[in-house]
PDB file of N, CA and C in Angstrom:
ATOM      1  N   UNK A   1      -1.871  83.933  -4.376  1.00  0.00           N
ATOM      2  CA  UNK A   1      -2.574  85.034  -3.761  1.00  0.00           C
ATOM      3  C   UNK A   1      -4.061  84.721  -3.728  1.00  0.00           C
ATOM      4  N   UNK A   2      -4.721  85.174  -2.697  1.00  0.00           N
ATOM      5  CA  UNK A   2      -6.143  84.933  -2.523  1.00  0.00           C
ATOM      6  C   UNK A   2      -6.917  86.233  -2.744  1.00  0.00           C
ATOM      7  N   UNK A   3      -8.090  86.113  -3.341  1.00  0.00           N
ATOM      8  CA  UNK A   3      -8.926  87.277  -3.635  1.00  0.00           C
ATOM      9  C   UNK A   3     -10.265  87.137  -2.932  1.00  0.00           C
ATOM     10  N   UNK A   4     -10.799  88.276  -2.514  1.00  0.00           N
ATOM     11  CA  UNK A   4     -12.124  88.304  -1.903  1.00  0.00           C
ATOM     12  C   UNK A   4     -13.141  88.541  -3.006  1.00  0.00           C
ATOM     13  N   UNK A   5     -14.126  87.660  -3.109  1.00  0.00           N
ATOM     14  CA  UNK A   5     -15.155  87.786  -4.140  1.00  0.00           C
ATOM     15  C   UNK A   5     -16.418  88.345  -3.493  1.00  0.00           C
ATOM     16  N   UNK A   6     -16.910  89.450  -4.062  1.00  0.00           N
ATOM     17  CA  UNK A   6     -18.102  90.131  -3.562  1.00  0.00           C
ATOM     18  C   UNK A   6     -19.161  90.151  -4.656  1.00  0.00           C
ATOM     19  N   UNK A   7     -20.415  90.241  -4.256  1.00  0.00           N
ATOM     20  CA  UNK A   7     -21.503  90.371  -5.228  1.00  0.00           C
ATOM     21  C   UNK A   7     -22.201  91.703  -5.003  1.00  0.00           C
ATOM     22  N   UNK A   8     -22.533  92.383  -6.097  1.00  0.00           N
ATOM     23  CA  UNK A   8     -23.250  93.648  -5.998  1.00  0.00           C
ATOM     24  C   UNK A   8     -24.746  93.367  -6.081  1.00  0.00           C
ATOM     25  N   UNK A   9     -25.551  94.342  -5.686  1.00  0.00           N
ATOM     26  CA  UNK A   9     -27.001  94.158  -5.647  1.00  0.00           C
ATOM     27  C   UNK A   9     -27.582  93.758  -7.003  1.00  0.00           C
ATOM     28  N   UNK A  10     -27.074  94.336  -8.074  1.00  0.00           N
ATOM     29  CA  UNK A  10     -27.573  94.015  -9.409  1.00  0.00           C
ATOM     30  C   UNK A  10     -27.349  92.535  -9.736  1.00  0.00           C
ATOM     31  N   UNK A  11     -26.219  91.998  -9.312  1.00  0.00           N
ATOM     32  CA  UNK A  11     -25.928  90.581  -9.528  1.00  0.00           C
ATOM     33  C   UNK A  11     -26.936  89.721  -8.761  1.00  0.00           C
ATOM     34  N   UNK A  12     -27.223  90.105  -7.529  1.00  0.00           N
ATOM     35  CA  UNK A  12     -28.196  89.357  -6.723  1.00  0.00           C
ATOM     36  C   UNK A  12     -29.563  89.344  -7.390  1.00  0.00           C
ATOM     37  N   UNK A  13     -29.960  90.477  -7.975  1.00  0.00           N
ATOM     38  CA  UNK A  13     -31.247  90.553  -8.677  1.00  0.00           C
ATOM     39  C   UNK A  13     -31.255  89.633  -9.891  1.00  0.00           C
ATOM     40  N   UNK A  14     -30.153  89.620 -10.623  1.00  0.00           N
ATOM     41  CA  UNK A  14     -30.051  88.738 -11.791  1.00  0.00           C
ATOM     42  C   UNK A  14     -30.177  87.272 -11.383  1.00  0.00           C
ATOM     43  N   UNK A  15     -29.513  86.898 -10.295  1.00  0.00           N
ATOM     44  CA  UNK A  15     -29.564  85.514  -9.815  1.00  0.00           C
ATOM     45  C   UNK A  15     -30.986  85.154  -9.406  1.00  0.00           C
ATOM     46  N   UNK A  16     -31.643  86.068  -8.735  1.00  0.00           N
ATOM     47  CA  UNK A  16     -33.016  85.814  -8.277  1.00  0.00           C
ATOM     48  C   UNK A  16     -33.941  85.537  -9.464  1.00  0.00           C
ATOM     49  N   UNK A  17     -33.785  86.306 -10.536  1.00  0.00           N
ATOM     50  CA  UNK A  17     -34.601  86.088 -11.738  1.00  0.00           C
ATOM     51  C   UNK A  17     -34.284  84.737 -12.379  1.00  0.00           C
ATOM     52  N   UNK A  18     -33.000  84.427 -12.502  1.00  0.00           N
ATOM     53  CA  UNK A  18     -32.596  83.175 -13.139  1.00  0.00           C
ATOM     54  C   UNK A  18     -32.948  81.952 -12.299  1.00  0.00           C
ATOM     55  N   UNK A  19     -33.001  82.120 -10.977  1.00  0.00           N
ATOM     56  CA  UNK A  19     -33.290  81.002 -10.076  1.00  0.00           C
ATOM     57  C   UNK A  19     -34.678  80.419 -10.339  1.00  0.00           C
ATOM     58  N   UNK A  20     -35.594  81.248 -10.822  1.00  0.00           N
ATOM     59  CA  UNK A  20     -36.949  80.774 -11.110  1.00  0.00           C
ATOM     60  C   UNK A  20     -36.931  79.664 -12.161  1.00  0.00           C
ATOM     61  N   UNK A  21     -35.990  79.751 -13.090  1.00  0.00           N
ATOM     62  CA  UNK A  21     -35.904  78.761 -14.166  1.00  0.00           C
ATOM     63  C   UNK A  21     -34.796  77.737 -13.935  1.00  0.00           C
ATOM     64  N   UNK A  22     -33.703  78.183 -13.319  1.00  0.00           N
ATOM     65  CA  UNK A  22     -32.528  77.330 -13.147  1.00  0.00           C
ATOM     66  C   UNK A  22     -32.231  77.137 -11.661  1.00  0.00           C
ATOM     67  N   UNK A  23     -32.709  76.057 -11.098  1.00  0.00           N
ATOM     68  CA  UNK A  23     -32.615  75.826  -9.650  1.00  0.00           C
ATOM     69  C   UNK A  23     -31.201  75.527  -9.166  1.00  0.00           C
ATOM     70  N   UNK A  24     -30.306  75.149 -10.057  1.00  0.00           N
ATOM     71  CA  UNK A  24     -28.929  74.828  -9.653  1.00  0.00           C
ATOM     72  C   UNK A  24     -27.980  76.020  -9.730  1.00  0.00           C
ATOM     73  N   UNK A  25     -28.505  77.205 -10.011  1.00  0.00           N
ATOM     74  CA  UNK A  25     -27.648  78.365 -10.254  1.00  0.00           C
ATOM     75  C   UNK A  25     -26.766  78.706  -9.054  1.00  0.00           C
ATOM     76  N   UNK A  26     -27.292  78.561  -7.860  1.00  0.00           N
ATOM     77  CA  UNK A  26     -26.501  78.943  -6.679  1.00  0.00           C
ATOM     78  C   UNK A  26     -25.257  78.064  -6.536  1.00  0.00           C
ATOM     79  N   UNK A  27     -25.399  76.781  -6.783  1.00  0.00           N
ATOM     80  CA  UNK A  27     -24.243  75.886  -6.737  1.00  0.00           C
ATOM     81  C   UNK A  27     -23.233  76.200  -7.826  1.00  0.00           C
ATOM     82  N   UNK A  28     -23.746  76.553  -9.007  1.00  0.00           N
ATOM     83  CA  UNK A  28     -22.855  76.919 -10.117  1.00  0.00           C
ATOM     84  C   UNK A  28     -22.065  78.182  -9.783  1.00  0.00           C
ATOM     85  N   UNK A  29     -22.712  79.136  -9.130  1.00  0.00           N
ATOM     86  CA  UNK A  29     -22.038  80.383  -8.744  1.00  0.00           C
ATOM     87  C   UNK A  29     -21.007  80.121  -7.652  1.00  0.00           C
ATOM     88  N   UNK A  30     -21.330  79.253  -6.715  1.00  0.00           N
ATOM     89  CA  UNK A  30     -20.364  78.932  -5.657  1.00  0.00           C
ATOM     90  C   UNK A  30     -19.086  78.330  -6.243  1.00  0.00           C
ATOM     91  N   UNK A  31     -19.230  77.495  -7.268  1.00  0.00           N
ATOM     92  CA  UNK A  31     -18.046  76.936  -7.939  1.00  0.00           C
ATOM     93  C   UNK A  31     -17.221  78.043  -8.584  1.00  0.00           C
ATOM     94  N   UNK A  32     -17.907  79.002  -9.212  1.00  0.00           N
ATOM     95  CA  UNK A  32     -17.210  80.137  -9.828  1.00  0.00           C
ATOM     96  C   UNK A  32     -16.465  80.948  -8.779  1.00  0.00           C
ATOM     97  N   UNK A  33     -17.104  81.197  -7.654  1.00  0.00           N
ATOM     98  CA  UNK A  33     -16.474  81.983  -6.589  1.00  0.00           C
ATOM     99  C   UNK A  33     -15.195  81.304  -6.114  1.00  0.00           C
ATOM    100  N   UNK A  34     -15.236  79.988  -5.955  1.00  0.00           N
ATOM    101  CA  UNK A  34     -14.032  79.258  -5.533  1.00  0.00           C
ATOM    102  C   UNK A  34     -12.891  79.445  -6.527  1.00  0.00           C
ATOM    103  N   UNK A  35     -13.214  79.439  -7.806  1.00  0.00           N
ATOM    104  CA  UNK A  35     -12.189  79.632  -8.840  1.00  0.00           C
ATOM    105  C   UNK A  35     -11.628  81.050  -8.774  1.00  0.00           C
ATOM    106  N   UNK A  36     -12.515  82.048  -8.676  1.00  0.00           N
ATOM    107  CA  UNK A  36     -12.078  83.445  -8.673  1.00  0.00           C
ATOM    108  C   UNK A  36     -11.307  83.817  -7.412  1.00  0.00           C
ATOM    109  N   UNK A  37     -11.567  83.127  -6.314  1.00  0.00           N
ATOM    110  CA  UNK A  37     -10.802  83.392  -5.092  1.00  0.00           C
ATOM    111  C   UNK A  37      -9.325  83.056  -5.288  1.00  0.00           C
ATOM    112  N   UNK A  38      -9.045  82.128  -6.177  1.00  0.00           N
ATOM    113  CA  UNK A  38      -7.668  81.710  -6.435  1.00  0.00           C
ATOM    114  C   UNK A  38      -7.021  82.469  -7.594  1.00  0.00           C
ATOM    115  N   UNK A  39      -7.817  82.808  -8.618  1.00  0.00           N
ATOM    116  CA  UNK A  39      -7.252  83.453  -9.811  1.00  0.00           C
ATOM    117  C   UNK A  39      -8.316  84.296 -10.499  1.00  0.00           C
ATOM    118  N   UNK A  40      -8.212  85.607 -10.351  1.00  0.00           N
ATOM    119  CA  UNK A  40      -9.195  86.511 -10.941  1.00  0.00           C
ATOM    120  C   UNK A  40      -9.108  86.566 -12.468  1.00  0.00           C
ATOM    121  N   UNK A  41      -7.984  86.170 -13.043  1.00  0.00           N
ATOM    122  CA  UNK A  41      -7.747  86.386 -14.473  1.00  0.00           C
ATOM    123  C   UNK A  41      -8.207  85.237 -15.367  1.00  0.00           C
ATOM    124  N   UNK A  42      -9.027  84.340 -14.863  1.00  0.00           N
ATOM    125  CA  UNK A  42      -9.459  83.193 -15.665  1.00  0.00           C
ATOM    126  C   UNK A  42     -10.432  83.585 -16.774  1.00  0.00           C
ATOM    127  N   UNK A  43     -11.081  84.723 -16.637  1.00  0.00           N
ATOM    128  CA  UNK A  43     -12.031  85.170 -17.650  1.00  0.00           C
ATOM    129  C   UNK A  43     -11.349  85.882 -18.802  1.00  0.00           C
ATOM    130  N   UNK A  44     -12.161  86.300 -19.752  1.00  0.00           N
ATOM    131  CA  UNK A  44     -11.678  87.068 -20.900  1.00  0.00           C
ATOM    132  C   UNK A  44     -11.622  88.533 -20.494  1.00  0.00           C
ATOM    133  N   UNK A  45     -10.457  89.149 -20.648  1.00  0.00           N
ATOM    134  CA  UNK A  45     -10.288  90.551 -20.259  1.00  0.00           C
ATOM    135  C   UNK A  45     -11.003  91.438 -21.269  1.00  0.00           C
ATOM    136  N   UNK A  46     -11.906  92.296 -20.768  1.00  0.00           N
ATOM    137  CA  UNK A  46     -12.669  93.194 -21.628  1.00  0.00           C
ATOM    138  C   UNK A  46     -12.123  94.611 -21.609  1.00  0.00           C
ATOM    139  N   UNK A  47     -11.101  94.852 -20.792  1.00  0.00           N
ATOM    140  CA  UNK A  47     -10.556  96.197 -20.621  1.00  0.00           C
ATOM    141  C   UNK A  47     -11.117  96.841 -19.370  1.00  0.00           C
ATOM    142  N   UNK A  48     -10.434  97.865 -18.878  1.00  0.00           N
ATOM    143  CA  UNK A  48     -10.890  98.616 -17.705  1.00  0.00           C
ATOM    144  C   UNK A  48     -11.210  97.724 -16.508  1.00  0.00           C
ATOM    145  N   UNK A  49     -10.392  96.723 -16.274  1.00  0.00           N
ATOM    146  CA  UNK A  49     -10.531  95.813 -15.132  1.00  0.00           C
ATOM    147  C   UNK A  49     -11.802  94.971 -15.161  1.00  0.00           C
ATOM    148  N   UNK A  50     -12.440  94.866 -16.321  1.00  0.00           N
ATOM    149  CA  UNK A  50     -13.629  94.035 -16.496  1.00  0.00           C
ATOM    150  C   UNK A  50     -13.252  92.721 -17.163  1.00  0.00           C
ATOM    151  N   UNK A  51     -13.927  91.657 -16.727  1.00  0.00           N
ATOM    152  CA  UNK A  51     -13.711  90.330 -17.291  1.00  0.00           C
ATOM    153  C   UNK A  51     -15.059  89.666 -17.530  1.00  0.00           C
ATOM    154  N   UNK A  52     -15.086  88.750 -18.499  1.00  0.00           N
ATOM    155  CA  UNK A  52     -16.268  87.936 -18.759  1.00  0.00           C
ATOM    156  C   UNK A  52     -15.831  86.483 -18.695  1.00  0.00           C
ATOM    157  N   UNK A  53     -16.658  85.666 -18.058  1.00  0.00           N
ATOM    158  CA  UNK A  53     -16.333  84.246 -17.947  1.00  0.00           C
ATOM    159  C   UNK A  53     -17.572  83.409 -18.232  1.00  0.00           C
ATOM    160  N   UNK A  54     -17.337  82.279 -18.870  1.00  0.00           N
ATOM    161  CA  UNK A  54     -18.408  81.315 -19.106  1.00  0.00           C
ATOM    162  C   UNK A  54     -18.521  80.411 -17.885  1.00  0.00           C
ATOM    163  N   UNK A  55     -19.747  80.188 -17.465  1.00  0.00           N
ATOM    164  CA  UNK A  55     -20.009  79.357 -16.291  1.00  0.00           C
ATOM    165  C   UNK A  55     -21.016  78.287 -16.691  1.00  0.00           C
ATOM    166  N   UNK A  56     -20.740  77.072 -16.306  1.00  0.00           N
ATOM    167  CA  UNK A  56     -21.657  75.982 -16.654  1.00  0.00           C
ATOM    168  C   UNK A  56     -23.013  76.195 -15.984  1.00  0.00           C
ATOM    169  N   UNK A  57     -24.046  75.731 -16.659  1.00  0.00           N
ATOM    170  CA  UNK A  57     -25.397  75.723 -16.117  1.00  0.00           C
ATOM    171  C   UNK A  57     -25.747  74.260 -15.900  1.00  0.00           C
ATOM    172  N   UNK A  58     -25.749  73.829 -14.658  1.00  0.00           N
ATOM    173  CA  UNK A  58     -25.999  72.418 -14.344  1.00  0.00           C
ATOM    174  C   UNK A  58     -27.379  71.960 -14.782  1.00  0.00           C
ATOM    175  N   UNK A  59     -28.301  72.903 -14.954  1.00  0.00           N
ATOM    176  CA  UNK A  59     -29.652  72.556 -15.383  1.00  0.00           C
ATOM    177  C   UNK A  59     -29.738  72.332 -16.890  1.00  0.00           C
ATOM    178  N   UNK A  60     -28.774  72.852 -17.645  1.00  0.00           N
ATOM    179  CA  UNK A  60     -28.784  72.739 -19.104  1.00  0.00           C
ATOM    180  C   UNK A  60     -27.690  71.804 -19.581  1.00  0.00           C
ATOM    181  N   UNK A  61     -26.513  71.943 -19.023  1.00  0.00           N
ATOM    182  CA  UNK A  61     -25.378  71.115 -19.423  1.00  0.00           C
ATOM    183  C   UNK A  61     -24.512  71.810 -20.454  1.00  0.00           C
ATOM    184  N   UNK A  62     -23.228  71.743 -20.242  1.00  0.00           N
ATOM    185  CA  UNK A  62     -22.280  72.362 -21.165  1.00  0.00           C
ATOM    186  C   UNK A  62     -22.158  73.857 -20.959  1.00  0.00           C
ATOM    187  N   UNK A  63     -21.008  74.401 -21.343  1.00  0.00           N
ATOM    188  CA  UNK A  63     -20.791  75.836 -21.167  1.00  0.00           C
ATOM    189  C   UNK A  63     -21.487  76.668 -22.234  1.00  0.00           C
ATOM    190  N   UNK A  64     -21.719  76.102 -23.424  1.00  0.00           N
ATOM    191  CA  UNK A  64     -22.332  76.902 -24.485  1.00  0.00           C
ATOM    192  C   UNK A  64     -23.762  77.283 -24.125  1.00  0.00           C
ATOM    193  N   UNK A  65     -24.427  76.470 -23.343  1.00  0.00           N
ATOM    194  CA  UNK A  65     -25.770  76.790 -22.884  1.00  0.00           C
ATOM    195  C   UNK A  65     -25.760  77.335 -21.480  1.00  0.00           C
ATOM    196  N   UNK A  66     -24.605  77.724 -21.016  1.00  0.00           N
ATOM    197  CA  UNK A  66     -24.457  78.162 -19.636  1.00  0.00           C
ATOM    198  C   UNK A  66     -24.686  79.637 -19.432  1.00  0.00           C
ATOM    199  N   UNK A  67     -24.082  80.142 -18.389  1.00  0.00           N
ATOM    200  CA  UNK A  67     -24.202  81.544 -18.014  1.00  0.00           C
ATOM    201  C   UNK A  67     -22.964  82.300 -18.456  1.00  0.00           C
ATOM    202  N   UNK A  68     -23.120  83.605 -18.511  1.00  0.00           N
ATOM    203  CA  UNK A  68     -21.990  84.506 -18.669  1.00  0.00           C
ATOM    204  C   UNK A  68     -22.006  85.423 -17.462  1.00  0.00           C
ATOM    205  N   UNK A  69     -20.852  85.593 -16.859  1.00  0.00           N
ATOM    206  CA  UNK A  69     -20.712  86.476 -15.700  1.00  0.00           C
ATOM    207  C   UNK A  69     -19.711  87.563 -16.065  1.00  0.00           C
ATOM    208  N   UNK A  70     -20.097  88.803 -15.802  1.00  0.00           N
ATOM    209  CA  UNK A  70     -19.191  89.934 -15.969  1.00  0.00           C
ATOM    210  C   UNK A  70     -18.748  90.332 -14.571  1.00  0.00           C
ATOM    211  N   UNK A  71     -17.437  90.440 -14.390  1.00  0.00           N
ATOM    212  CA  UNK A  71     -16.934  90.832 -13.078  1.00  0.00           C
ATOM    213  C   UNK A  71     -15.866  91.899 -13.200  1.00  0.00           C
ATOM    214  N   UNK A  72     -15.666  92.599 -12.111  1.00  0.00           N
ATOM    215  CA  UNK A  72     -14.758  93.743 -12.035  1.00  0.00           C
ATOM    216  C   UNK A  72     -13.699  93.445 -10.987  1.00  0.00           C
ATOM    217  N   UNK A  73     -12.460  93.782 -11.288  1.00  0.00           N
ATOM    218  CA  UNK A  73     -11.386  93.546 -10.324  1.00  0.00           C
ATOM    219  C   UNK A  73     -10.885  94.862  -9.753  1.00  0.00           C
ATOM    220  N   UNK A  74     -10.653  94.856  -8.474  1.00  0.00           N
ATOM    221  CA  UNK A  74     -10.059  96.001  -7.770  1.00  0.00           C
ATOM    222  C   UNK A  74      -8.839  95.434  -7.053  1.00  0.00           C
ATOM    223  N   UNK A  75      -7.725  95.387  -7.764  1.00  0.00           N
ATOM    224  CA  UNK A  75      -6.543  94.698  -7.252  1.00  0.00           C
ATOM    225  C   UNK A  75      -5.880  95.434  -6.102  1.00  0.00           C
ATOM    226  N   UNK A  76      -6.170  96.722  -5.934  1.00  0.00           N
ATOM    227  CA  UNK A  76      -5.573  97.463  -4.822  1.00  0.00           C
ATOM    228  C   UNK A  76      -6.025  96.909  -3.474  1.00  0.00           C
ATOM    229  N   UNK A  77      -7.188  96.245  -3.452  1.00  0.00           N
ATOM    230  CA  UNK A  77      -7.633  95.606  -2.210  1.00  0.00           C
ATOM    231  C   UNK A  77      -7.916  94.112  -2.413  1.00  0.00           C
ATOM    232  N   UNK A  78      -7.316  93.528  -3.469  1.00  0.00           N
ATOM    233  CA  UNK A  78      -7.451  92.089  -3.755  1.00  0.00           C
ATOM    234  C   UNK A  78      -8.908  91.634  -3.809  1.00  0.00           C
ATOM    235  N   UNK A  79      -9.741  92.421  -4.492  1.00  0.00           N
ATOM    236  CA  UNK A  79     -11.164  92.108  -4.549  1.00  0.00           C
ATOM    237  C   UNK A  79     -11.654  91.894  -5.970  1.00  0.00           C
ATOM    238  N   UNK A  80     -12.646  91.023  -6.069  1.00  0.00           N
ATOM    239  CA  UNK A  80     -13.356  90.759  -7.311  1.00  0.00           C
ATOM    240  C   UNK A  80     -14.831  91.017  -7.022  1.00  0.00           C
ATOM    241  N   UNK A  81     -15.493  91.719  -7.937  1.00  0.00           N
ATOM    242  CA  UNK A  81     -16.905  92.053  -7.761  1.00  0.00           C
ATOM    243  C   UNK A  81     -17.708  91.468  -8.914  1.00  0.00           C
ATOM    244  N   UNK A  82     -18.659  90.605  -8.582  1.00  0.00           N
ATOM    245  CA  UNK A  82     -19.538  90.028  -9.590  1.00  0.00           C
ATOM    246  C   UNK A  82     -20.610  91.063  -9.904  1.00  0.00           C
ATOM    247  N   UNK A  83     -20.671  91.516 -11.168  1.00  0.00           N
ATOM    248  CA  UNK A  83     -21.559  92.610 -11.555  1.00  0.00           C
ATOM    249  C   UNK A  83     -22.877  92.135 -12.137  1.00  0.00           C
ATOM    250  N   UNK A  84     -22.822  91.173 -13.046  1.00  0.00           N
ATOM    251  CA  UNK A  84     -24.050  90.697 -13.681  1.00  0.00           C
ATOM    252  C   UNK A  84     -23.860  89.265 -14.161  1.00  0.00           C
ATOM    253  N   UNK A  85     -24.971  88.564 -14.266  1.00  0.00           N
ATOM    254  CA  UNK A  85     -24.986  87.202 -14.798  1.00  0.00           C
ATOM    255  C   UNK A  85     -26.190  87.090 -15.712  1.00  0.00           C
ATOM    256  N   UNK A  86     -26.009  86.387 -16.823  1.00  0.00           N
ATOM    257  CA  UNK A  86     -27.128  86.155 -17.722  1.00  0.00           C
ATOM    258  C   UNK A  86     -26.964  84.791 -18.372  1.00  0.00           C
ATOM    259  N   UNK A  87     -28.089  84.247 -18.787  1.00  0.00           N
ATOM    260  CA  UNK A  87     -28.078  82.948 -19.450  1.00  0.00           C
ATOM    261  C   UNK A  87     -27.803  83.156 -20.929  1.00  0.00           C
ATOM    262  N   UNK A  88     -26.877  82.407 -21.457  1.00  0.00           N
ATOM    263  CA  UNK A  88     -26.525  82.521 -22.871  1.00  0.00           C
ATOM    264  C   UNK A  88     -27.699  82.103 -23.751  1.00  0.00           C
ATOM    265  N   UNK A  89     -28.596  81.280 -23.236  1.00  0.00           N
ATOM    266  CA  UNK A  89     -29.758  80.869 -24.018  1.00  0.00           C
ATOM    267  C   UNK A  89     -30.796  81.981 -24.103  1.00  0.00           C
ATOM    268  N   UNK A  90     -30.730  82.966 -23.202  1.00  0.00           N
ATOM    269  CA  UNK A  90     -31.713  84.048 -23.187  1.00  0.00           C
ATOM    270  C   UNK A  90     -31.177  85.361 -23.744  1.00  0.00           C
ATOM    271  N   UNK A  91     -29.875  85.563 -23.690  1.00  0.00           N
ATOM    272  CA  UNK A  91     -29.286  86.825 -24.129  1.00  0.00           C
ATOM    273  C   UNK A  91     -27.955  86.523 -24.791  1.00  0.00           C
ATOM    274  N   UNK A  92     -27.737  87.091 -25.949  1.00  0.00           N
ATOM    275  CA  UNK A  92     -26.511  86.798 -26.693  1.00  0.00           C
ATOM    276  C   UNK A  92     -25.296  87.460 -26.054  1.00  0.00           C
ATOM    277  N   UNK A  93     -25.333  88.753 -25.873  1.00  0.00           N
ATOM    278  CA  UNK A  93     -24.221  89.497 -25.283  1.00  0.00           C
ATOM    279  C   UNK A  93     -24.756  90.677 -24.490  1.00  0.00           C
ATOM    280  N   UNK A  94     -23.895  91.299 -23.729  1.00  0.00           N
ATOM    281  CA  UNK A  94     -24.272  92.476 -22.958  1.00  0.00           C
ATOM    282  C   UNK A  94     -23.303  93.597 -23.307  1.00  0.00           C
ATOM    283  N   UNK A  95     -23.832  94.800 -23.400  1.00  0.00           N
ATOM    284  CA  UNK A  95     -22.999  95.967 -23.672  1.00  0.00           C
ATOM    285  C   UNK A  95     -22.365  96.394 -22.353  1.00  0.00           C
ATOM    286  N   UNK A  96     -21.052  96.284 -22.267  1.00  0.00           N
ATOM    287  CA  UNK A  96     -20.374  96.591 -21.002  1.00  0.00           C
ATOM    288  C   UNK A  96     -20.517  98.058 -20.613  1.00  0.00           C
ATOM    289  N   UNK A  97     -20.893  98.914 -21.556  1.00  0.00           N
ATOM    290  CA  UNK A  97     -21.093 100.334 -21.238  1.00  0.00           C
ATOM    291  C   UNK A  97     -22.214 100.535 -20.223  1.00  0.00           C
ATOM    292  N   UNK A  98     -23.214  99.650 -20.249  1.00  0.00           N
ATOM    293  CA  UNK A  98     -24.308  99.808 -19.294  1.00  0.00           C
ATOM    294  C   UNK A  98     -23.870  99.464 -17.870  1.00  0.00           C
ATOM    295  N   UNK A  99     -22.719  98.828 -17.734  1.00  0.00           N
ATOM    296  CA  UNK A  99     -22.197  98.485 -16.412  1.00  0.00           C
ATOM    297  C   UNK A  99     -21.421  99.632 -15.777  1.00  0.00           C
ATOM    298  N   UNK A 100     -21.085 100.660 -16.545  1.00  0.00           N
ATOM    299  CA  UNK A 100     -20.255 101.746 -16.027  1.00  0.00           C
ATOM    300  C   UNK A 100     -20.849 102.426 -14.797  1.00  0.00           C
ATOM    301  N   UNK A 101     -22.164 102.726 -14.763  1.00  0.00           N
ATOM    302  CA  UNK A 101     -22.713 103.334 -13.540  1.00  0.00           C
ATOM    303  C   UNK A 101     -22.541 102.445 -12.303  1.00  0.00           C
ATOM    304  N   UNK A 102     -22.646 101.142 -12.482  1.00  0.00           N
ATOM    305  CA  UNK A 102     -22.454 100.214 -11.361  1.00  0.00           C
ATOM    306  C   UNK A 102     -21.008 100.280 -10.886  1.00  0.00           C
ATOM    307  N   UNK A 103     -20.076 100.300 -11.825  1.00  0.00           N
ATOM    308  CA  UNK A 103     -18.653 100.363 -11.480  1.00  0.00           C
ATOM    309  C   UNK A 103     -18.326 101.677 -10.783  1.00  0.00           C
ATOM    310  N   UNK A 104     -18.870 102.783 -11.296  1.00  0.00           N
ATOM    311  CA  UNK A 104     -18.621 104.090 -10.679  1.00  0.00           C
ATOM    312  C   UNK A 104     -19.119 104.119  -9.234  1.00  0.00           C
ATOM    313  N   UNK A 105     -20.324 103.604  -9.023  1.00  0.00           N
ATOM    314  CA  UNK A 105     -20.899 103.551  -7.672  1.00  0.00           C
ATOM    315  C   UNK A 105     -20.044 102.659  -6.767  1.00  0.00           C
ATOM    316  N   UNK A 106     -19.635 101.531  -7.278  1.00  0.00           N
ATOM    317  CA  UNK A 106     -18.813 100.585  -6.528  1.00  0.00           C
ATOM    318  C   UNK A 106     -17.485 101.211  -6.125  1.00  0.00           C
ATOM    319  N   UNK A 107     -16.846 101.903  -7.048  1.00  0.00           N
ATOM    320  CA  UNK A 107     -15.567 102.554  -6.748  1.00  0.00           C
ATOM    321  C   UNK A 107     -15.707 103.598  -5.650  1.00  0.00           C
ATOM    322  N   UNK A 108     -16.814 104.334  -5.650  1.00  0.00           N
ATOM    323  CA  UNK A 108     -17.032 105.334  -4.597  1.00  0.00           C
ATOM    324  C   UNK A 108     -17.149 104.664  -3.233  1.00  0.00           C
ATOM    325  N   UNK A 109     -17.868 103.561  -3.180  1.00  0.00           N
ATOM    326  CA  UNK A 109     -18.039 102.844  -1.910  1.00  0.00           C
ATOM    327  C   UNK A 109     -16.712 102.253  -1.452  1.00  0.00           C
ATOM    328  N   UNK A 110     -16.004 101.595  -2.361  1.00  0.00           N
ATOM    329  CA  UNK A 110     -14.734 100.949  -2.019  1.00  0.00           C
ATOM    330  C   UNK A 110     -13.689 101.976  -1.599  1.00  0.00           C
ATOM    331  N   UNK A 111     -13.688 103.120  -2.271  1.00  0.00           N
ATOM    332  CA  UNK A 111     -12.710 104.162  -1.962  1.00  0.00           C
ATOM    333  C   UNK A 111     -13.135 105.046  -0.791  1.00  0.00           C
ATOM    334  N   UNK A 112     -14.294 104.720  -0.176  1.00  0.00           N
ATOM    335  CA  UNK A 112     -14.749 105.450   1.011  1.00  0.00           C
ATOM    336  C   UNK A 112     -15.401 106.780   0.726  1.00  0.00           C
ATOM    337  N   UNK A 113     -15.909 106.965  -0.486  1.00  0.00           N
ATOM    338  CA  UNK A 113     -16.542 108.227  -0.837  1.00  0.00           C
ATOM    339  C   UNK A 113     -18.059 108.138  -0.834  1.00  0.00           C
ATOM    340  N   UNK A 114     -18.604 106.932  -0.696  1.00  0.00           N
ATOM    341  CA  UNK A 114     -20.051 106.820  -0.830  1.00  0.00           C
ATOM    342  C   UNK A 114     -20.705 106.052   0.225  1.00  0.00           C
TER     343      UNK A 114
END
């Protein structure tokens, strides 16, 4: 099965900030998108259709110094939404509760309410 991978505005802002330091980020994200188009479940399931995945940072090397991407799945329309990305060298973890407003807004748009 194939999945459509979408990026939300907050994810784009995160990428823009990280691009200043990590020039290879766009290529790293494109590789992630190719993987998620084939299998949304490759990440660690966080509950409530949220997943976290480690992504290599070509500018640093290795996954431990790479990025973390939090994404949301909406299987009713075979979609994956990239919510946020952060560098593991700059931030240890993210509280998924802060992503809830983004998910709520996204669901309204996807369900035709917003």
